[in-house]
Amino acid sequence: MQDIFWGVVIIAIGLFMGGSGFLGELTLVNFLFDGLGVFFIGKGAMSMVGQQEPTE
């Protein structure tokens, strides 16, 4: 869950610094911040899926 939070924070920092690839502004810095944010969100989501207890 903490990875998801930090992923959102990284994307927000990128937005406040001037833009985002999600808004159509494709620069190297925007791509870097968006890519890192999406990576951490995905990492957090996968760790949450892996923690589910199996049902019988």
PDB file of N, CA and C in Angstrom:
ATOM      1  N   MET A   1       0.824  -1.190   0.000  1.00  0.00           N
ATOM      2  CA  MET A   1       0.000   0.000   0.000  1.00  0.00           C
ATOM      3  C   MET A   1       0.865   1.249   0.000  1.00  0.00           C
ATOM      4  N   GLN A   2       1.996   1.175   0.664  1.00  0.00           N
ATOM      5  CA  GLN A   2       2.894   2.317   0.733  1.00  0.00           C
ATOM      6  C   GLN A   2       3.494   2.624  -0.644  1.00  0.00           C
ATOM      7  N   ASP A   3       3.749   1.586  -1.461  1.00  0.00           N
ATOM      8  CA  ASP A   3       4.276   1.814  -2.801  1.00  0.00           C
ATOM      9  C   ASP A   3       3.278   2.578  -3.661  1.00  0.00           C
ATOM     10  N   ILE A   4       2.002   2.284  -3.509  1.00  0.00           N
ATOM     11  CA  ILE A   4       0.978   2.995  -4.263  1.00  0.00           C
ATOM     12  C   ILE A   4       0.970   4.468  -3.879  1.00  0.00           C
ATOM     13  N   PHE A   5       1.071   4.747  -2.590  1.00  0.00           N
ATOM     14  CA  PHE A   5       1.109   6.133  -2.127  1.00  0.00           C
ATOM     15  C   PHE A   5       2.287   6.874  -2.731  1.00  0.00           C
ATOM     16  N   TRP A   6       3.482   6.273  -2.686  1.00  0.00           N
ATOM     17  CA  TRP A   6       4.663   6.950  -3.211  1.00  0.00           C
ATOM     18  C   TRP A   6       4.594   7.091  -4.721  1.00  0.00           C
ATOM     19  N   GLY A   7       3.960   6.148  -5.411  1.00  0.00           N
ATOM     20  CA  GLY A   7       3.771   6.293  -6.851  1.00  0.00           C
ATOM     21  C   GLY A   7       2.911   7.496  -7.190  1.00  0.00           C
ATOM     22  N   VAL A   8       1.846   7.693  -6.430  1.00  0.00           N
ATOM     23  CA  VAL A   8       0.982   8.854  -6.636  1.00  0.00           C
ATOM     24  C   VAL A   8       1.735  10.139  -6.308  1.00  0.00           C
ATOM     25  N   VAL A   9       2.549  10.107  -5.262  1.00  0.00           N
ATOM     26  CA  VAL A   9       3.333  11.290  -4.888  1.00  0.00           C
ATOM     27  C   VAL A   9       4.325  11.647  -6.002  1.00  0.00           C
ATOM     28  N   ILE A  10       4.978  10.667  -6.583  1.00  0.00           N
ATOM     29  CA  ILE A  10       5.934  10.927  -7.660  1.00  0.00           C
ATOM     30  C   ILE A  10       5.232  11.533  -8.869  1.00  0.00           C
ATOM     31  N   ILE A  11       4.070  11.016  -9.227  1.00  0.00           N
ATOM     32  CA  ILE A  11       3.317  11.582 -10.349  1.00  0.00           C
ATOM     33  C   ILE A  11       2.883  13.008 -10.026  1.00  0.00           C
ATOM     34  N   ALA A  12       2.463  13.261  -8.788  1.00  0.00           N
ATOM     35  CA  ALA A  12       2.057  14.616  -8.386  1.00  0.00           C
ATOM     36  C   ALA A  12       3.233  15.586  -8.448  1.00  0.00           C
ATOM     37  N   ILE A  13       4.412  15.147  -8.045  1.00  0.00           N
ATOM     38  CA  ILE A  13       5.598  15.997  -8.135  1.00  0.00           C
ATOM     39  C   ILE A  13       5.859  16.358  -9.592  1.00  0.00           C
ATOM     40  N   GLY A  14       5.745  15.382 -10.464  1.00  0.00           N
ATOM     41  CA  GLY A  14       5.922  15.653 -11.891  1.00  0.00           C
ATOM     42  C   GLY A  14       4.913  16.658 -12.412  1.00  0.00           C
ATOM     43  N   LEU A  15       3.671  16.560 -11.974  1.00  0.00           N
ATOM     44  CA  LEU A  15       2.645  17.521 -12.396  1.00  0.00           C
ATOM     45  C   LEU A  15       2.967  18.922 -11.910  1.00  0.00           C
ATOM     46  N   PHE A  16       3.400  19.035 -10.666  1.00  0.00           N
ATOM     47  CA  PHE A  16       3.716  20.349 -10.110  1.00  0.00           C
ATOM     48  C   PHE A  16       4.978  20.948 -10.721  1.00  0.00           C
ATOM     49  N   MET A  17       5.863  20.099 -11.239  1.00  0.00           N
ATOM     50  CA  MET A  17       7.082  20.606 -11.861  1.00  0.00           C
ATOM     51  C   MET A  17       6.856  21.066 -13.290  1.00  0.00           C
ATOM     52  N   GLY A  18       5.687  20.860 -13.828  1.00  0.00           N
ATOM     53  CA  GLY A  18       5.456  21.420 -15.153  1.00  0.00           C
ATOM     54  C   GLY A  18       4.625  20.609 -16.111  1.00  0.00           C
ATOM     55  N   GLY A  19       4.325  19.389 -15.828  1.00  0.00           N
ATOM     56  CA  GLY A  19       3.511  18.659 -16.784  1.00  0.00           C
ATOM     57  C   GLY A  19       3.508  17.172 -16.537  1.00  0.00           C
ATOM     58  N   SER A  20       2.862  16.485 -17.453  1.00  0.00           N
ATOM     59  CA  SER A  20       2.748  15.049 -17.342  1.00  0.00           C
ATOM     60  C   SER A  20       2.546  14.460 -18.731  1.00  0.00           C
ATOM     61  N   GLY A  21       3.077  13.282 -18.939  1.00  0.00           N
ATOM     62  CA  GLY A  21       2.841  12.579 -20.185  1.00  0.00           C
ATOM     63  C   GLY A  21       1.388  12.193 -20.343  1.00  0.00           C
ATOM     64  N   PHE A  22       0.685  12.072 -19.227  1.00  0.00           N
ATOM     65  CA  PHE A  22      -0.740  11.746 -19.269  1.00  0.00           C
ATOM     66  C   PHE A  22      -1.553  12.897 -19.844  1.00  0.00           C
ATOM     67  N   LEU A  23      -0.992  14.108 -19.811  1.00  0.00           N
ATOM     68  CA  LEU A  23      -1.669  15.284 -20.359  1.00  0.00           C
ATOM     69  C   LEU A  23      -1.235  15.570 -21.793  1.00  0.00           C
ATOM     70  N   GLY A  24      -0.396  14.711 -22.349  1.00  0.00           N
ATOM     71  CA  GLY A  24       0.053  14.877 -23.716  1.00  0.00           C
ATOM     72  C   GLY A  24       1.345  15.646 -23.862  1.00  0.00           C
ATOM     73  N   GLU A  25       1.999  15.989 -22.782  1.00  0.00           N
ATOM     74  CA  GLU A  25       3.264  16.722 -22.812  1.00  0.00           C
ATOM     75  C   GLU A  25       4.407  15.725 -22.665  1.00  0.00           C
ATOM     76  N   LEU A  26       4.908  15.234 -23.785  1.00  0.00           N
ATOM     77  CA  LEU A  26       5.898  14.165 -23.748  1.00  0.00           C
ATOM     78  C   LEU A  26       7.312  14.737 -23.784  1.00  0.00           C
ATOM     79  N   THR A  27       7.870  14.943 -22.604  1.00  0.00           N
ATOM     80  CA  THR A  27       9.272  15.309 -22.483  1.00  0.00           C
ATOM     81  C   THR A  27       9.966  14.238 -21.648  1.00  0.00           C
ATOM     82  N   LEU A  28      11.280  14.280 -21.635  1.00  0.00           N
ATOM     83  CA  LEU A  28      12.039  13.251 -20.912  1.00  0.00           C
ATOM     84  C   LEU A  28      11.741  13.272 -19.416  1.00  0.00           C
ATOM     85  N   VAL A  29      11.684  14.463 -18.822  1.00  0.00           N
ATOM     86  CA  VAL A  29      11.424  14.574 -17.381  1.00  0.00           C
ATOM     87  C   VAL A  29      10.013  14.090 -17.049  1.00  0.00           C
ATOM     88  N   ASN A  30       9.033  14.486 -17.857  1.00  0.00           N
ATOM     89  CA  ASN A  30       7.659  14.031 -17.625  1.00  0.00           C
ATOM     90  C   ASN A  30       7.566  12.518 -17.751  1.00  0.00           C
ATOM     91  N   PHE A  31       8.227  11.971 -18.761  1.00  0.00           N
ATOM     92  CA  PHE A  31       8.218  10.524 -18.955  1.00  0.00           C
ATOM     93  C   PHE A  31       8.874   9.814 -17.778  1.00  0.00           C
ATOM     94  N   LEU A  32       9.949  10.387 -17.244  1.00  0.00           N
ATOM     95  CA  LEU A  32      10.644   9.794 -16.098  1.00  0.00           C
ATOM     96  C   LEU A  32       9.754   9.752 -14.865  1.00  0.00           C
ATOM     97  N   PHE A  33       9.134  10.886 -14.523  1.00  0.00           N
ATOM     98  CA  PHE A  33       8.284  10.932 -13.335  1.00  0.00           C
ATOM     99  C   PHE A  33       7.049  10.041 -13.505  1.00  0.00           C
ATOM    100  N   ASP A  34       6.423  10.081 -14.670  1.00  0.00           N
ATOM    101  CA  ASP A  34       5.243   9.250 -14.890  1.00  0.00           C
ATOM    102  C   ASP A  34       5.598   7.767 -14.877  1.00  0.00           C
ATOM    103  N   GLY A  35       6.725   7.434 -15.483  1.00  0.00           N
ATOM    104  CA  GLY A  35       7.155   6.034 -15.510  1.00  0.00           C
ATOM    105  C   GLY A  35       7.454   5.492 -14.124  1.00  0.00           C
ATOM    106  N   LEU A  36       8.166   6.284 -13.321  1.00  0.00           N
ATOM    107  CA  LEU A  36       8.445   5.847 -11.950  1.00  0.00           C
ATOM    108  C   LEU A  36       7.167   5.721 -11.131  1.00  0.00           C
ATOM    109  N   GLY A  37       6.262   6.673 -11.307  1.00  0.00           N
ATOM    110  CA  GLY A  37       4.996   6.630 -10.575  1.00  0.00           C
ATOM    111  C   GLY A  37       4.183   5.397 -10.923  1.00  0.00           C
ATOM    112  N   VAL A  38       4.080   5.116 -12.217  1.00  0.00           N
ATOM    113  CA  VAL A  38       3.314   3.937 -12.654  1.00  0.00           C
ATOM    114  C   VAL A  38       3.989   2.657 -12.179  1.00  0.00           C
ATOM    115  N   PHE A  39       5.324   2.638 -12.188  1.00  0.00           N
ATOM    116  CA  PHE A  39       6.049   1.464 -11.690  1.00  0.00           C
ATOM    117  C   PHE A  39       5.713   1.182 -10.229  1.00  0.00           C
ATOM    118  N   PHE A  40       5.776   2.226  -9.384  1.00  0.00           N
ATOM    119  CA  PHE A  40       5.511   2.023  -7.964  1.00  0.00           C
ATOM    120  C   PHE A  40       4.043   1.685  -7.699  1.00  0.00           C
ATOM    121  N   ILE A  41       3.132   2.264  -8.466  1.00  0.00           N
ATOM    122  CA  ILE A  41       1.718   1.912  -8.309  1.00  0.00           C
ATOM    123  C   ILE A  41       1.505   0.445  -8.679  1.00  0.00           C
ATOM    124  N   GLY A  42       2.105   0.014  -9.783  1.00  0.00           N
ATOM    125  CA  GLY A  42       2.000  -1.388 -10.190  1.00  0.00           C
ATOM    126  C   GLY A  42       2.644  -2.334  -9.197  1.00  0.00           C
ATOM    127  N   LYS A  43       3.794  -1.941  -8.670  1.00  0.00           N
ATOM    128  CA  LYS A  43       4.483  -2.762  -7.666  1.00  0.00           C
ATOM    129  C   LYS A  43       3.612  -2.917  -6.422  1.00  0.00           C
ATOM    130  N   GLY A  44       2.999  -1.827  -5.979  1.00  0.00           N
ATOM    131  CA  GLY A  44       2.125  -1.891  -4.813  1.00  0.00           C
ATOM    132  C   GLY A  44       0.889  -2.733  -5.061  1.00  0.00           C
ATOM    133  N   ALA A  45       0.329  -2.617  -6.251  1.00  0.00           N
ATOM    134  CA  ALA A  45      -0.858  -3.411  -6.586  1.00  0.00           C
ATOM    135  C   ALA A  45      -0.516  -4.897  -6.634  1.00  0.00           C
ATOM    136  N   MET A  46       0.637  -5.219  -7.207  1.00  0.00           N
ATOM    137  CA  MET A  46       1.027  -6.630  -7.270  1.00  0.00           C
ATOM    138  C   MET A  46       1.324  -7.194  -5.885  1.00  0.00           C
ATOM    139  N   SER A  47       1.876  -6.390  -4.993  1.00  0.00           N
ATOM    140  CA  SER A  47       2.139  -6.891  -3.643  1.00  0.00           C
ATOM    141  C   SER A  47       0.830  -7.090  -2.879  1.00  0.00           C
ATOM    142  N   MET A  48      -0.176  -6.258  -3.177  1.00  0.00           N
ATOM    143  CA  MET A  48      -1.478  -6.448  -2.530  1.00  0.00           C
ATOM    144  C   MET A  48      -2.157  -7.716  -3.028  1.00  0.00           C
ATOM    145  N   VAL A  49      -2.023  -8.014  -4.311  1.00  0.00           N
ATOM    146  CA  VAL A  49      -2.611  -9.226  -4.876  1.00  0.00           C
ATOM    147  C   VAL A  49      -1.905 -10.456  -4.291  1.00  0.00           C
ATOM    148  N   GLY A  50      -0.596 -10.361  -4.104  1.00  0.00           N
ATOM    149  CA  GLY A  50       0.170 -11.479  -3.568  1.00  0.00           C
ATOM    150  C   GLY A  50      -0.108 -11.742  -2.101  1.00  0.00           C
ATOM    151  N   GLN A  51      -0.653 -10.778  -1.376  1.00  0.00           N
ATOM    152  CA  GLN A  51      -0.916 -10.943   0.052  1.00  0.00           C
ATOM    153  C   GLN A  51      -2.289 -11.508   0.350  1.00  0.00           C
ATOM    154  N   GLN A  52      -3.112 -11.675  -0.647  1.00  0.00           N
ATOM    155  CA  GLN A  52      -4.453 -12.214  -0.400  1.00  0.00           C
ATOM    156  C   GLN A  52      -4.350 -13.654   0.080  1.00  0.00           C
ATOM    157  N   GLU A  53      -5.191 -13.970   1.054  1.00  0.00           N
ATOM    158  CA  GLU A  53      -5.197 -15.328   1.571  1.00  0.00           C
ATOM    159  C   GLU A  53      -6.010 -16.216   0.621  1.00  0.00           C
ATOM    160  N   PRO A  54      -5.518 -17.410   0.361  1.00  0.00           N
ATOM    161  CA  PRO A  54      -6.246 -18.298  -0.539  1.00  0.00           C
ATOM    162  C   PRO A  54      -7.567 -18.755   0.085  1.00  0.00           C
ATOM    163  N   THR A  55      -8.583 -18.846  -0.730  1.00  0.00           N
ATOM    164  CA  THR A  55      -9.888 -19.338  -0.264  1.00  0.00           C
ATOM    165  C   THR A  55     -10.055 -20.783  -0.718  1.00  0.00           C
ATOM    166  N   GLU A  56     -10.695 -21.551   0.102  1.00  0.00           N
ATOM    167  CA  GLU A  56     -10.900 -22.971  -0.229  1.00  0.00           C
ATOM    168  C   GLU A  56     -12.318 -23.261  -0.531  1.00  0.00           C
TER     169      GLU A  56
END
